[in-house]
Amino acid sequence: MPTIRFRGEEVECQEGAILRDALLDAGLSPHNGAAQYLNCRGHATCGTCAVEVRGDASEMADDERRRLSMRPHDLDSGLRLSCQTRVEGDVEVVKHPGFWGQKVEDGEERREEVAPDADE
C-alpha cells in the first residue's frame, strides 16, 4: 500500500486512490482556510485543492491541465489538483499558502509558518 506524507502525518491508501479522497478519509484537508468549504468537491473546476506532489503519481489529465492553466495557477508551477491525482506509490504532498495553494514562490520558510487552515 502506498504511503502519503502530508503535514507531518502518514496515511496509507490503495494504489490508484484519488489523493484528495485519501486525505479527506484520513481527516486531512488539501484545502487552505475557507476553501475547505468553498470548493468544487473534486470536479477539477475550482483549483483550491492544488498541492505539490513528490513521488509516484498519475499523469496529468486534460481537465487538470486546463484548470491549472488558468489564474491564479500557472501550469509551470508544478502543482497538481489533488482531486485529479491518483496515488501510484509513496508520495510526499505539500500544500502551499494562498486560498488556492498557489503561492509556491513563497518557499519552505513561508510554508512552515502558515497554519494548516490559514487562508491567505
N, C-alpha and C. Protein backbone atom coordinates (compact mmCIF):
# COMPACT_ATOMS: atom_id res chain seq x y z
N MET A 1 0.83 -1.20 0.00
CA MET A 1 0.00 0.00 0.00
C MET A 1 0.87 1.25 0.00
N PRO A 2 0.57 2.18 -0.87
CA PRO A 2 1.31 3.44 -0.89
C PRO A 2 1.09 4.25 0.38
N THR A 3 2.09 5.05 0.72
CA THR A 3 2.01 5.94 1.87
C THR A 3 2.04 7.38 1.38
N ILE A 4 1.14 8.19 1.92
CA ILE A 4 1.09 9.63 1.64
C ILE A 4 1.63 10.34 2.88
N ARG A 5 2.65 11.17 2.69
CA ARG A 5 3.15 12.00 3.78
C ARG A 5 2.65 13.43 3.55
N PHE A 6 1.92 13.95 4.55
CA PHE A 6 1.28 15.26 4.41
C PHE A 6 1.15 15.91 5.78
N ARG A 7 1.71 17.11 5.92
CA ARG A 7 1.62 17.90 7.15
C ARG A 7 1.98 17.10 8.40
N GLY A 8 3.07 16.36 8.31
CA GLY A 8 3.55 15.60 9.46
C GLY A 8 2.82 14.30 9.73
N GLU A 9 1.89 13.94 8.88
CA GLU A 9 1.13 12.70 9.05
C GLU A 9 1.50 11.73 7.93
N GLU A 10 1.31 10.45 8.21
CA GLU A 10 1.46 9.42 7.18
C GLU A 10 0.15 8.68 7.05
N VAL A 11 -0.32 8.55 5.82
CA VAL A 11 -1.59 7.91 5.53
C VAL A 11 -1.36 6.82 4.50
N GLU A 12 -1.88 5.64 4.75
CA GLU A 12 -1.82 4.58 3.74
C GLU A 12 -3.10 4.60 2.93
N CYS A 13 -2.97 4.25 1.65
CA CYS A 13 -4.14 4.20 0.78
C CYS A 13 -3.94 3.09 -0.25
N GLN A 14 -4.99 2.78 -0.95
CA GLN A 14 -4.91 1.81 -2.03
C GLN A 14 -4.17 2.42 -3.21
N GLU A 15 -3.43 1.63 -3.93
CA GLU A 15 -2.80 2.11 -5.15
C GLU A 15 -3.90 2.54 -6.12
N GLY A 16 -3.74 3.72 -6.70
CA GLY A 16 -4.73 4.26 -7.64
C GLY A 16 -5.78 5.13 -6.97
N ALA A 17 -5.71 5.27 -5.64
CA ALA A 17 -6.67 6.11 -4.92
C ALA A 17 -6.50 7.58 -5.34
N ILE A 18 -7.61 8.30 -5.36
CA ILE A 18 -7.57 9.74 -5.62
C ILE A 18 -6.97 10.40 -4.37
N LEU A 19 -5.95 11.22 -4.57
CA LEU A 19 -5.23 11.84 -3.46
C LEU A 19 -6.17 12.62 -2.54
N ARG A 20 -7.03 13.45 -3.09
CA ARG A 20 -7.97 14.24 -2.28
C ARG A 20 -8.82 13.34 -1.40
N ASP A 21 -9.36 12.28 -1.96
CA ASP A 21 -10.22 11.37 -1.20
C ASP A 21 -9.45 10.68 -0.08
N ALA A 22 -8.24 10.24 -0.37
CA ALA A 22 -7.43 9.57 0.65
C ALA A 22 -7.12 10.51 1.81
N LEU A 23 -6.81 11.78 1.50
CA LEU A 23 -6.54 12.75 2.56
C LEU A 23 -7.80 13.03 3.38
N LEU A 24 -8.90 13.27 2.71
CA LEU A 24 -10.15 13.55 3.43
C LEU A 24 -10.58 12.37 4.29
N ASP A 25 -10.43 11.15 3.77
CA ASP A 25 -10.78 9.94 4.55
C ASP A 25 -9.96 9.84 5.82
N ALA A 26 -8.74 10.40 5.79
CA ALA A 26 -7.85 10.37 6.95
C ALA A 26 -8.05 11.58 7.86
N GLY A 27 -9.02 12.44 7.54
CA GLY A 27 -9.28 13.62 8.34
C GLY A 27 -8.35 14.78 8.05
N LEU A 28 -7.68 14.74 6.90
CA LEU A 28 -6.76 15.80 6.48
C LEU A 28 -7.37 16.52 5.28
N SER A 29 -7.11 17.80 5.16
CA SER A 29 -7.69 18.57 4.07
C SER A 29 -6.62 19.10 3.12
N PRO A 30 -6.83 18.94 1.81
CA PRO A 30 -5.91 19.52 0.83
C PRO A 30 -6.25 20.98 0.53
N HIS A 31 -7.10 21.60 1.35
CA HIS A 31 -7.53 22.98 1.14
C HIS A 31 -7.00 23.87 2.25
N ASN A 32 -6.86 25.15 1.96
CA ASN A 32 -6.49 26.16 2.96
C ASN A 32 -7.73 26.93 3.37
N GLY A 33 -7.89 27.15 4.66
CA GLY A 33 -8.94 28.01 5.19
C GLY A 33 -10.33 27.74 4.64
N ALA A 34 -10.99 28.80 4.18
CA ALA A 34 -12.38 28.72 3.71
C ALA A 34 -12.53 27.83 2.48
N ALA A 35 -11.44 27.57 1.77
CA ALA A 35 -11.52 26.68 0.60
C ALA A 35 -11.96 25.28 1.01
N GLN A 36 -11.84 24.99 2.29
CA GLN A 36 -12.31 23.73 2.83
C GLN A 36 -13.81 23.57 2.60
N TYR A 37 -14.52 24.69 2.59
CA TYR A 37 -15.98 24.69 2.41
C TYR A 37 -16.40 25.18 1.03
N LEU A 38 -15.57 26.04 0.44
CA LEU A 38 -15.87 26.63 -0.86
C LEU A 38 -15.01 25.98 -1.93
N ASN A 39 -15.40 24.80 -2.37
CA ASN A 39 -14.64 24.10 -3.40
C ASN A 39 -15.59 23.30 -4.28
N CYS A 40 -15.07 22.77 -5.35
CA CYS A 40 -15.91 22.08 -6.34
C CYS A 40 -16.19 20.62 -6.01
N ARG A 41 -15.69 20.15 -4.88
CA ARG A 41 -15.92 18.78 -4.42
C ARG A 41 -15.32 17.72 -5.36
N GLY A 42 -14.22 18.08 -5.99
CA GLY A 42 -13.49 17.08 -6.77
C GLY A 42 -13.76 17.04 -8.25
N HIS A 43 -14.29 18.12 -8.81
CA HIS A 43 -14.62 18.13 -10.24
C HIS A 43 -13.61 18.87 -11.12
N ALA A 44 -12.48 19.25 -10.55
CA ALA A 44 -11.39 19.91 -11.29
C ALA A 44 -11.77 21.28 -11.85
N THR A 45 -12.71 21.97 -11.20
CA THR A 45 -13.12 23.27 -11.71
C THR A 45 -12.66 24.45 -10.86
N CYS A 46 -12.42 24.25 -9.57
CA CYS A 46 -12.08 25.40 -8.73
C CYS A 46 -10.57 25.59 -8.53
N GLY A 47 -9.82 24.54 -8.41
CA GLY A 47 -8.37 24.64 -8.23
C GLY A 47 -7.92 24.84 -6.80
N THR A 48 -8.84 24.78 -5.82
CA THR A 48 -8.45 25.02 -4.43
C THR A 48 -7.69 23.86 -3.80
N CYS A 49 -7.71 22.70 -4.40
CA CYS A 49 -7.03 21.53 -3.83
C CYS A 49 -5.63 21.34 -4.43
N ALA A 50 -5.10 22.37 -5.08
CA ALA A 50 -3.78 22.29 -5.70
C ALA A 50 -2.70 22.06 -4.65
N VAL A 51 -1.85 21.08 -4.90
CA VAL A 51 -0.77 20.73 -3.99
C VAL A 51 0.48 20.37 -4.80
N GLU A 52 1.60 20.39 -4.14
CA GLU A 52 2.83 19.89 -4.74
C GLU A 52 2.93 18.41 -4.38
N VAL A 53 3.16 17.57 -5.38
CA VAL A 53 3.25 16.13 -5.15
C VAL A 53 4.62 15.66 -5.59
N ARG A 54 5.33 15.04 -4.66
CA ARG A 54 6.63 14.44 -4.96
C ARG A 54 6.49 12.94 -4.79
N GLY A 55 6.78 12.21 -5.82
CA GLY A 55 6.68 10.76 -5.73
C GLY A 55 5.91 10.20 -6.91
N ASP A 56 5.39 9.01 -6.71
CA ASP A 56 4.77 8.24 -7.78
C ASP A 56 3.28 8.53 -7.89
N ALA A 57 2.92 9.42 -8.80
CA ALA A 57 1.52 9.81 -9.01
C ALA A 57 1.17 9.68 -10.49
N SER A 58 -0.12 9.67 -10.77
CA SER A 58 -0.61 9.54 -12.15
C SER A 58 -0.18 10.73 -13.00
N GLU A 59 -0.27 10.55 -14.30
CA GLU A 59 -0.02 11.63 -15.24
C GLU A 59 -1.17 12.64 -15.18
N MET A 60 -0.90 13.86 -15.57
CA MET A 60 -1.92 14.90 -15.56
C MET A 60 -2.89 14.71 -16.72
N ALA A 61 -4.18 14.74 -16.41
CA ALA A 61 -5.22 14.59 -17.42
C ALA A 61 -5.61 15.97 -17.96
N ASP A 62 -6.40 15.99 -19.03
CA ASP A 62 -6.78 17.24 -19.69
C ASP A 62 -7.53 18.21 -18.78
N ASP A 63 -8.51 17.71 -17.98
CA ASP A 63 -9.27 18.60 -17.09
C ASP A 63 -8.35 19.28 -16.09
N GLU A 64 -7.41 18.53 -15.54
CA GLU A 64 -6.47 19.08 -14.58
C GLU A 64 -5.56 20.10 -15.25
N ARG A 65 -5.03 19.76 -16.39
CA ARG A 65 -4.15 20.67 -17.13
C ARG A 65 -4.88 21.98 -17.47
N ARG A 66 -6.13 21.86 -17.88
CA ARG A 66 -6.93 23.04 -18.24
C ARG A 66 -7.09 23.96 -17.03
N ARG A 67 -7.46 23.41 -15.86
CA ARG A 67 -7.67 24.25 -14.68
C ARG A 67 -6.37 24.87 -14.19
N LEU A 68 -5.30 24.12 -14.20
CA LEU A 68 -4.02 24.65 -13.74
C LEU A 68 -3.40 25.64 -14.72
N SER A 69 -3.98 25.76 -15.91
CA SER A 69 -3.54 26.74 -16.89
C SER A 69 -4.21 28.09 -16.69
N MET A 70 -5.20 28.14 -15.79
CA MET A 70 -5.94 29.39 -15.54
C MET A 70 -5.51 30.02 -14.21
N ARG A 71 -5.63 31.35 -14.16
CA ARG A 71 -5.30 32.10 -12.94
C ARG A 71 -6.15 31.64 -11.78
N PRO A 72 -5.63 31.63 -10.57
CA PRO A 72 -4.32 32.15 -10.18
C PRO A 72 -3.20 31.12 -10.35
N HIS A 73 -3.51 30.00 -10.92
CA HIS A 73 -2.49 28.97 -11.10
C HIS A 73 -1.63 29.24 -12.33
N ASP A 74 -0.58 28.48 -12.44
CA ASP A 74 0.35 28.54 -13.56
C ASP A 74 0.80 27.11 -13.81
N LEU A 75 0.58 26.63 -14.99
CA LEU A 75 0.90 25.24 -15.31
C LEU A 75 2.36 24.91 -15.03
N ASP A 76 3.23 25.91 -15.12
CA ASP A 76 4.66 25.69 -14.88
C ASP A 76 5.03 25.62 -13.40
N SER A 77 4.07 25.82 -12.49
CA SER A 77 4.35 25.81 -11.05
C SER A 77 4.67 24.42 -10.52
N GLY A 78 4.25 23.40 -11.26
CA GLY A 78 4.48 22.03 -10.81
C GLY A 78 3.39 21.51 -9.88
N LEU A 79 2.36 22.31 -9.64
CA LEU A 79 1.28 21.87 -8.76
C LEU A 79 0.37 20.87 -9.47
N ARG A 80 -0.33 20.11 -8.66
CA ARG A 80 -1.32 19.14 -9.15
C ARG A 80 -2.63 19.38 -8.42
N LEU A 81 -3.74 19.03 -9.02
CA LEU A 81 -5.02 19.05 -8.32
C LEU A 81 -5.16 17.72 -7.61
N SER A 82 -5.29 17.77 -6.29
CA SER A 82 -5.38 16.52 -5.54
C SER A 82 -6.64 15.73 -5.91
N CYS A 83 -7.66 16.41 -6.41
CA CYS A 83 -8.90 15.73 -6.79
C CYS A 83 -8.76 14.95 -8.10
N GLN A 84 -7.68 15.18 -8.82
CA GLN A 84 -7.47 14.51 -10.11
C GLN A 84 -6.23 13.62 -10.11
N THR A 85 -5.48 13.64 -9.02
CA THR A 85 -4.22 12.91 -8.95
C THR A 85 -4.42 11.56 -8.28
N ARG A 86 -3.99 10.52 -8.97
CA ARG A 86 -4.06 9.16 -8.40
C ARG A 86 -2.70 8.82 -7.79
N VAL A 87 -2.75 8.22 -6.61
CA VAL A 87 -1.55 7.81 -5.90
C VAL A 87 -1.12 6.45 -6.44
N GLU A 88 0.05 6.41 -7.09
CA GLU A 88 0.55 5.18 -7.69
C GLU A 88 1.58 4.48 -6.80
N GLY A 89 2.17 5.25 -5.88
CA GLY A 89 3.19 4.74 -4.95
C GLY A 89 3.35 5.76 -3.84
N ASP A 90 4.41 5.65 -3.07
CA ASP A 90 4.63 6.60 -1.97
C ASP A 90 4.78 8.02 -2.50
N VAL A 91 4.11 8.96 -1.83
CA VAL A 91 4.19 10.37 -2.23
C VAL A 91 4.34 11.26 -1.00
N GLU A 92 4.97 12.40 -1.22
CA GLU A 92 5.02 13.47 -0.23
C GLU A 92 4.22 14.61 -0.82
N VAL A 93 3.31 15.17 -0.04
CA VAL A 93 2.41 16.20 -0.51
C VAL A 93 2.64 17.47 0.30
N VAL A 94 2.76 18.60 -0.40
CA VAL A 94 2.98 19.89 0.24
C VAL A 94 1.87 20.83 -0.19
N LYS A 95 1.21 21.45 0.78
CA LYS A 95 0.21 22.48 0.49
C LYS A 95 0.87 23.83 0.71
N HIS A 96 0.87 24.65 -0.31
CA HIS A 96 1.47 25.98 -0.23
C HIS A 96 0.43 26.99 0.24
N PRO A 97 0.87 28.18 0.64
CA PRO A 97 -0.05 29.22 1.09
C PRO A 97 -0.93 29.76 -0.03
N GLY A 98 -1.94 30.51 0.36
CA GLY A 98 -2.88 31.11 -0.58
C GLY A 98 -4.18 30.33 -0.59
N PHE A 99 -5.26 31.00 -0.92
CA PHE A 99 -6.57 30.36 -0.95
C PHE A 99 -6.56 29.10 -1.81
N TRP A 100 -5.90 29.19 -2.96
CA TRP A 100 -5.82 28.06 -3.89
C TRP A 100 -4.55 27.24 -3.69
N GLY A 101 -3.73 27.61 -2.71
CA GLY A 101 -2.46 26.92 -2.51
C GLY A 101 -1.48 27.22 -3.62
N GLN A 102 -1.63 28.40 -4.24
CA GLN A 102 -0.89 28.76 -5.43
C GLN A 102 0.42 29.49 -5.16
N LYS A 103 0.71 29.85 -3.92
CA LYS A 103 1.88 30.69 -3.63
C LYS A 103 3.14 29.85 -3.44
N VAL A 104 3.54 29.17 -4.49
CA VAL A 104 4.69 28.29 -4.47
C VAL A 104 5.98 29.07 -4.25
N GLU A 105 6.07 30.25 -4.83
CA GLU A 105 7.29 31.05 -4.74
C GLU A 105 7.60 31.51 -3.32
N ASP A 106 6.66 31.35 -2.38
CA ASP A 106 6.90 31.79 -1.01
C ASP A 106 7.93 30.91 -0.29
N GLY A 107 8.22 29.73 -0.82
CA GLY A 107 9.31 28.90 -0.33
C GLY A 107 9.04 28.14 0.96
N GLU A 108 10.04 27.36 1.37
CA GLU A 108 9.97 26.48 2.53
C GLU A 108 9.68 27.23 3.82
N GLU A 109 10.39 28.32 4.08
CA GLU A 109 10.22 29.03 5.34
C GLU A 109 8.78 29.51 5.48
N ARG A 110 8.24 30.06 4.43
CA ARG A 110 6.87 30.58 4.45
C ARG A 110 5.87 29.47 4.71
N ARG A 111 6.04 28.34 4.04
CA ARG A 111 5.13 27.22 4.18
C ARG A 111 5.10 26.74 5.63
N GLU A 112 6.24 26.73 6.30
CA GLU A 112 6.31 26.27 7.68
C GLU A 112 5.59 27.21 8.63
N GLU A 113 5.52 28.51 8.29
CA GLU A 113 4.90 29.49 9.16
C GLU A 113 3.38 29.48 9.07
N VAL A 114 2.84 28.99 7.96
CA VAL A 114 1.42 29.06 7.72
C VAL A 114 0.73 27.88 8.41
N ALA A 115 -0.27 28.18 9.20
CA ALA A 115 -1.05 27.13 9.86
C ALA A 115 -1.80 26.33 8.81
N PRO A 116 -2.06 25.04 9.07
CA PRO A 116 -2.75 24.20 8.09
C PRO A 116 -4.08 24.74 7.61
N ASP A 117 -4.74 25.58 8.42
CA ASP A 117 -6.04 26.08 7.98
C ASP A 117 -6.01 27.57 7.67
N ALA A 118 -4.83 28.11 7.47
CA ALA A 118 -4.74 29.54 7.14
C ALA A 118 -5.25 29.79 5.74
N ASP A 119 -5.93 30.91 5.55
CA ASP A 119 -6.49 31.19 4.22
C ASP A 119 -6.02 32.54 3.71
N GLU A 120 -4.75 32.62 3.44
CA GLU A 120 -4.20 33.88 2.92
C GLU A 120 -4.79 34.19 1.57
